[in-house]
Protein backbone atom coordinates (compact mmCIF):
# COMPACT_ATOMS: atom_id res chain seq x y z
CA MET A 1 40.02 -41.06 67.79
CA ASN A 2 39.99 -44.64 68.56
CA ASN A 3 43.30 -46.36 68.48
CA GLY A 4 43.14 -50.29 67.84
CA THR A 5 39.56 -51.68 69.68
CA PRO A 6 37.83 -53.74 67.78
CA HIS A 7 34.89 -52.62 66.09
CA ASN A 8 31.43 -54.89 66.87
CA THR A 9 29.26 -52.45 66.46
CA THR A 10 27.13 -51.84 63.33
CA GLY A 11 24.53 -49.29 62.18
CA THR A 12 24.57 -45.64 61.23
CA MET A 13 25.63 -42.05 61.34
CA SER A 14 24.98 -39.09 59.19
CA ALA A 15 25.17 -35.12 59.36
CA ASN A 16 26.08 -32.23 57.25
CA VAL A 17 29.51 -30.79 57.13
CA SER A 18 29.29 -27.21 56.02
CA TYR A 19 32.81 -25.71 55.28
CA TYR A 20 33.34 -28.53 53.76
CA ASN A 21 29.88 -28.81 52.05
CA GLU A 22 30.03 -32.52 52.28
CA ASN A 23 27.30 -34.89 53.41
CA PHE A 24 28.94 -36.94 56.02
CA VAL A 25 27.44 -40.60 55.51
CA ALA A 26 29.57 -43.10 57.42
CA ASN A 27 30.49 -46.24 55.76
CA SER A 28 32.96 -48.33 58.54
CA LYS A 29 34.57 -48.08 61.83
CA PHE A 30 31.33 -47.77 63.63
CA ALA A 31 31.73 -48.46 67.47
CA ILE A 32 30.45 -48.26 70.84
CA VAL A 33 33.29 -49.07 73.20
CA LYS A 34 32.54 -48.55 77.10
CA TYR A 35 35.42 -47.69 79.64
CA SER A 36 34.64 -47.74 83.35
CA ASP A 37 33.78 -44.33 83.19
CA ARG A 38 32.64 -43.41 79.75
CA PHE A 39 31.04 -44.60 76.03
CA PHE A 40 33.28 -43.78 72.96
CA LEU A 41 31.03 -43.41 69.71
CA GLN A 42 32.71 -43.52 66.60
CA ALA A 43 32.20 -43.67 62.84
CA CYS A 44 33.99 -42.94 59.93
CA MET A 45 33.23 -42.01 56.24
CA ALA A 46 36.33 -43.35 53.97
CA PHE A 47 35.48 -41.93 50.14
CA GLU A 48 38.26 -41.07 47.63
CA GLY A 49 41.24 -41.09 49.63
CA VAL A 50 39.51 -38.82 52.54
CA SER A 51 38.88 -40.37 55.85
CA GLN A 52 36.49 -38.49 58.13
CA TYR A 53 35.63 -39.45 61.72
CA ILE A 54 32.89 -37.98 63.83
CA ASP A 55 33.65 -39.36 67.63
CA PHE A 56 31.72 -38.82 70.81
CA TRP A 57 32.64 -39.21 74.39
CA ILE A 58 29.68 -39.57 77.19
CA PRO A 59 29.06 -40.79 80.69
CA ALA A 60 29.07 -44.22 81.13
CA ASN A 61 26.24 -43.60 83.95
CA ILE A 62 23.36 -42.44 81.56
CA PRO A 63 20.23 -43.98 81.36
CA GLY A 64 19.82 -47.47 80.11
CA ASP A 65 16.26 -47.45 79.85
CA GLY A 66 15.51 -45.92 76.31
CA SER A 67 14.73 -42.47 77.76
CA ILE A 68 15.73 -39.14 76.12
CA ILE A 69 18.62 -37.42 77.56
CA GLU A 70 20.05 -33.85 76.01
CA LEU A 71 23.78 -33.58 76.51
CA SER A 72 25.58 -30.40 75.68
CA LEU A 73 28.62 -30.64 73.83
CA ALA A 74 30.08 -27.15 74.89
CA ALA A 75 34.11 -26.77 75.04
CA ASN A 76 34.30 -27.07 78.87
CA GLY A 77 31.49 -29.35 79.37
CA GLY A 78 32.39 -33.07 80.56
CA ASN A 79 30.66 -34.39 77.26
CA LEU A 80 33.03 -34.28 73.97
CA ALA A 81 32.69 -34.10 70.21
CA SER A 82 35.03 -34.23 67.51
CA TYR A 83 35.60 -34.34 64.18
CA SER A 84 38.62 -35.59 62.48
CA ARG A 85 39.70 -35.65 58.49
CA PHE A 86 42.70 -37.43 57.22
CA PRO A 87 45.04 -36.52 55.22
CA ASP A 88 44.10 -33.01 55.82
CA GLY A 89 45.18 -33.47 59.52
CA VAL A 90 41.86 -31.49 60.54
CA ALA A 91 41.08 -33.13 63.88
CA LEU A 92 39.14 -30.65 66.19
CA ARG A 93 36.77 -30.54 69.46
CA ALA A 94 33.31 -28.76 69.54
CA ARG A 95 33.25 -26.04 71.00
CA SER A 96 29.31 -25.61 71.03
CA GLY A 97 26.59 -27.97 70.24
CA THR A 98 24.12 -30.29 71.45
CA LEU A 99 23.46 -34.45 71.33
CA LEU A 100 19.97 -35.58 72.00
CA MET A 101 20.03 -39.41 72.64
CA LYS A 102 18.78 -42.40 74.18
CA TYR A 103 20.47 -45.75 75.11
CA ASP A 104 18.52 -49.27 75.72
CA TRP A 105 21.00 -51.23 77.64
CA GLN A 106 19.28 -54.41 77.01
CA THR A 107 19.57 -54.36 73.21
CA LYS A 108 23.19 -52.67 73.29
CA ARG A 109 21.54 -49.66 71.10
CA MET A 110 22.01 -46.08 71.11
CA GLU A 111 20.05 -43.29 68.84
CA GLY A 112 20.90 -39.86 68.63
CA ASN A 113 20.43 -36.43 66.91
CA PHE A 114 23.22 -33.61 67.06
CA SER A 115 24.74 -30.92 65.86
CA PHE A 116 28.10 -28.87 67.02
CA GLU A 117 30.59 -26.20 65.96
CA ILE A 118 34.31 -26.45 65.68
CA GLN A 119 36.63 -24.46 64.60
CA ASN A 120 39.82 -24.61 62.72
CA GLY A 121 41.94 -21.26 62.80
CA SER A 122 39.82 -18.38 61.44
CA THR A 123 37.11 -21.09 59.98
CA ILE A 124 34.40 -22.34 61.67
CA VAL A 125 32.76 -25.52 60.56
CA GLN A 126 28.92 -26.41 61.45
CA ILE A 127 28.27 -30.48 61.64
CA SER A 128 24.69 -30.02 61.66
CA ASP A 129 21.40 -32.20 61.23
CA GLY A 130 23.33 -35.30 62.53
CA THR A 131 21.78 -39.14 63.40
CA PHE A 132 23.29 -42.27 64.50
CA ASP A 133 21.86 -45.27 65.41
CA LEU A 134 24.27 -48.03 66.28
CA THR A 135 23.82 -51.14 68.07
CA GLY A 136 26.79 -53.49 69.75
CA ILE A 137 29.02 -52.55 72.49
CA VAL A 138 32.53 -53.58 72.85
CA ASP A 139 34.32 -53.71 76.36
CA GLY A 140 37.05 -51.06 76.41
CA VAL A 141 39.69 -53.16 77.62
CA SER A 142 43.61 -51.84 76.26
CA ASN A 143 44.88 -54.00 73.27
CA SER A 144 47.89 -55.44 74.58
CA SER A 145 49.27 -56.44 71.01
CA ILE A 146 50.09 -53.07 70.58
CA HIS A 147 51.62 -51.91 73.58
CA GLY A 148 55.10 -50.97 73.70
CA VAL A 149 57.69 -50.14 76.59
CA GLY A 150 60.01 -46.91 76.67
CA THR A 151 59.22 -43.33 78.10
CA PHE A 152 57.06 -40.31 76.45
CA THR A 153 57.37 -37.32 78.36
CA ALA A 154 56.57 -33.95 77.50
CA TYR A 155 55.86 -30.04 78.81
CA SER A 156 53.51 -27.20 78.33
CA ASP A 157 53.01 -23.89 79.93
CA GLN A 158 49.70 -24.09 79.73
CA LEU A 159 48.88 -27.89 80.39
CA GLY A 160 51.64 -28.72 82.75
CA SER A 161 54.07 -31.82 82.69
CA PHE A 162 52.91 -35.08 80.79
CA GLU A 163 55.09 -37.99 81.97
CA ALA A 164 52.90 -41.45 79.91
CA GLN A 165 52.24 -44.04 82.15
CA GLU A 166 51.57 -45.96 78.82
CA VAL A 167 53.02 -46.18 75.34
CA SER A 168 52.69 -47.99 71.99
CA ILE A 169 53.47 -48.18 68.24
CA GLU A 170 51.26 -49.33 65.57
CA LEU A 171 51.10 -49.27 62.01
CA LYS A 172 47.75 -48.38 60.67
CA ASP A 173 46.34 -49.92 57.64
CA ARG A 174 44.90 -47.30 55.13
CA SER A 175 44.58 -49.42 52.40
CA HIS A 176 41.29 -49.46 51.79
CA VAL A 177 40.44 -46.10 51.05
CA GLY A 178 44.12 -45.95 48.76
CA LEU A 179 46.02 -44.16 51.08
CA PRO A 180 49.52 -45.13 52.54
CA ASN A 181 50.01 -46.73 56.07
CA TYR A 182 50.87 -45.00 58.61
CA TRP A 183 53.01 -45.35 61.95
CA GLN A 184 51.30 -43.93 64.90
CA ILE A 185 53.50 -43.53 67.97
CA ILE A 186 51.47 -42.67 71.41
CA GLY A 187 52.20 -41.72 74.92
CA ARG A 188 48.94 -42.21 77.51
CA MET A 189 48.57 -40.89 81.08
CA GLU A 190 45.77 -40.22 83.76
CA LYS A 191 45.85 -38.16 86.88
CA PRO A 192 43.18 -39.18 89.16
CA GLU A 193 43.86 -36.71 91.69
CA PHE A 194 41.63 -33.47 92.74
CA PRO A 195 40.12 -31.32 91.22
CA HIS A 196 38.87 -33.75 88.51
CA PRO A 197 40.25 -37.00 86.61
CA GLN A 198 42.19 -35.91 83.59
CA ARG A 199 43.20 -38.54 81.00
CA SER A 200 45.54 -36.98 78.53
CA HIS A 201 47.82 -38.22 75.59
CA ILE A 202 50.04 -37.15 72.24
CA ALA A 203 49.85 -39.10 69.12
CA LEU A 204 52.41 -38.99 66.74
CA GLN A 205 51.94 -39.96 63.10
CA VAL A 206 54.62 -40.49 60.17
CA VAL A 207 53.94 -42.24 56.95
CA GLU A 208 55.23 -45.71 56.38
CA HIS A 209 58.48 -45.77 54.15
CA VAL A 210 58.83 -42.32 54.58
CA GLU A 211 62.77 -42.18 55.29
CA THR A 212 62.67 -38.42 56.43
CA LYS A 213 63.39 -37.77 60.07
CA ILE A 214 63.10 -33.78 60.11
CA HIS A 215 59.13 -32.92 60.00
CA THR A 216 57.50 -29.33 59.48
CA LEU A 217 54.24 -29.93 61.06
CA GLY A 218 50.96 -28.52 59.92
CA ASN A 219 48.77 -29.81 56.86
CA ASN A 220 52.09 -32.15 56.13
CA PRO A 221 50.66 -35.48 54.85
CA ASP A 222 53.65 -37.14 55.55
CA ALA A 223 53.70 -36.66 59.28
CA TRP A 224 51.21 -34.98 62.29
CA ALA A 225 50.74 -35.02 65.71
CA SER A 226 47.65 -34.41 68.04
CA TYR A 227 47.08 -33.92 71.80
CA PHE A 228 44.22 -35.00 73.27
CA GLN A 229 43.48 -33.81 77.26
CA GLU A 230 40.16 -34.85 78.97
CA PRO A 231 37.68 -32.88 80.16
CA ASP A 232 39.56 -29.39 79.76
CA VAL A 233 41.09 -29.61 76.35
CA GLY A 234 39.75 -32.55 74.00
CA ILE A 235 41.56 -32.94 70.86
CA ILE A 236 43.94 -30.24 69.06
CA PRO A 237 45.67 -30.54 66.15
CA ALA A 238 49.59 -29.68 65.77
CA VAL A 239 49.50 -26.92 63.57
CA ASN A 240 52.99 -25.94 63.06
CA GLY A 241 56.65 -26.80 64.97
CA THR A 242 58.94 -29.29 64.20
CA LEU A 243 58.69 -33.26 64.71
CA GLU A 244 62.19 -34.95 64.71
CA PHE A 245 63.17 -38.62 64.62
CA THR A 246 66.65 -40.04 65.79
CA THR A 247 65.39 -43.42 65.24
CA LEU A 248 62.26 -44.13 62.85
CA PRO A 249 59.46 -46.54 64.00
CA ASN A 250 59.64 -49.09 60.86
CA THR A 251 62.09 -51.06 63.17
CA GLY A 252 59.90 -51.49 65.77
CA HIS A 253 61.76 -48.70 67.95
CA THR A 254 61.48 -44.82 67.68
CA GLU A 255 62.93 -42.19 69.06
CA GLY A 256 63.00 -38.68 68.62
CA ARG A 257 61.47 -35.35 69.78
CA LEU A 258 58.69 -32.96 69.51
CA ASP A 259 58.40 -28.72 69.60
CA ALA A 260 55.17 -27.74 68.11
CA ASP A 261 52.26 -25.30 68.67
CA PHE A 262 48.71 -26.82 69.15
CA ARG A 263 45.58 -25.00 67.97
CA THR A 264 42.43 -25.05 70.52
CA ALA A 265 38.71 -24.94 69.62
CA GLU A 266 38.67 -21.31 70.89
CA ASN A 267 41.90 -20.46 68.55
CA VAL A 268 44.35 -20.33 71.51
CA LEU A 269 47.64 -21.84 70.45
CA ILE A 270 49.35 -24.11 73.23
CA HIS A 271 53.19 -25.08 72.84
CA VAL A 272 54.31 -28.30 73.87
CA SER A 273 57.63 -29.80 73.76
CA GLY A 274 58.78 -33.48 74.57
CA ILE A 275 61.07 -36.46 73.86
CA PHE A 276 60.10 -39.80 73.21
CA ASP A 277 61.91 -43.42 72.81
CA ILE A 278 59.80 -46.25 72.57
CA LYS A 279 60.00 -50.22 71.53
CA GLN A 280 57.39 -52.33 70.43
CA ALA A 281 56.71 -55.06 73.32
CA LYS A 282 57.26 -58.70 72.60
CA ARG A 283 54.02 -60.56 72.17
């Protein structure tokens, strides 16, 4: 999901979500964000205390003349689609699917039809009959007001070493959907080298005013975590393990450790252990 980027995009997005037997009709957080190499598209449906997100990452060099293109949403492809659901803690990348879309750079408008499949453990979720019509593009420049200073390092046998080049702490507002606010702690890393560029981040969330310092991850409404790696893995949720704080983030400084298993779209568990010590940067 997008973290802190202004949303100057308007439009519509809808889809059917099979497992939850719901019609997704977005009503907030519409976004088209342009980075140097990618577009990020997002929309959110917030209803009765549940927030659902559908996100896409697509190449920035797609045709801008309004011609229709077809993009694969396969798990090992360069295009990403994901479905997230909070407070359930579901955040999963598509393992298969297709996006048919067109982009008009003059009007800053994108229209598309999509369907994709995600897997949450043994559960298969179909996102079908999806459509969007979004207008307005935001420049994807980092918001320096949420930048932090400090360190976030981690290691995984499958994913290798993680050493954040950028860290942040931000209080996220969920009052509009009747849910408590939460602190979001993120470490971000980019690797430009061969065989291909790689972008990663680890995101930790803990509900505001929760004083507990040790949290069991997986279906926990007070604390959850996700690991994102593009283009290989996508966004994957922590399904078990521990998030332990030495210092909680409500002072603007947080310190602790992560030891958790993250589940991929192919139902593979990836173990990640790490430590973090981050302070909010002075504005």
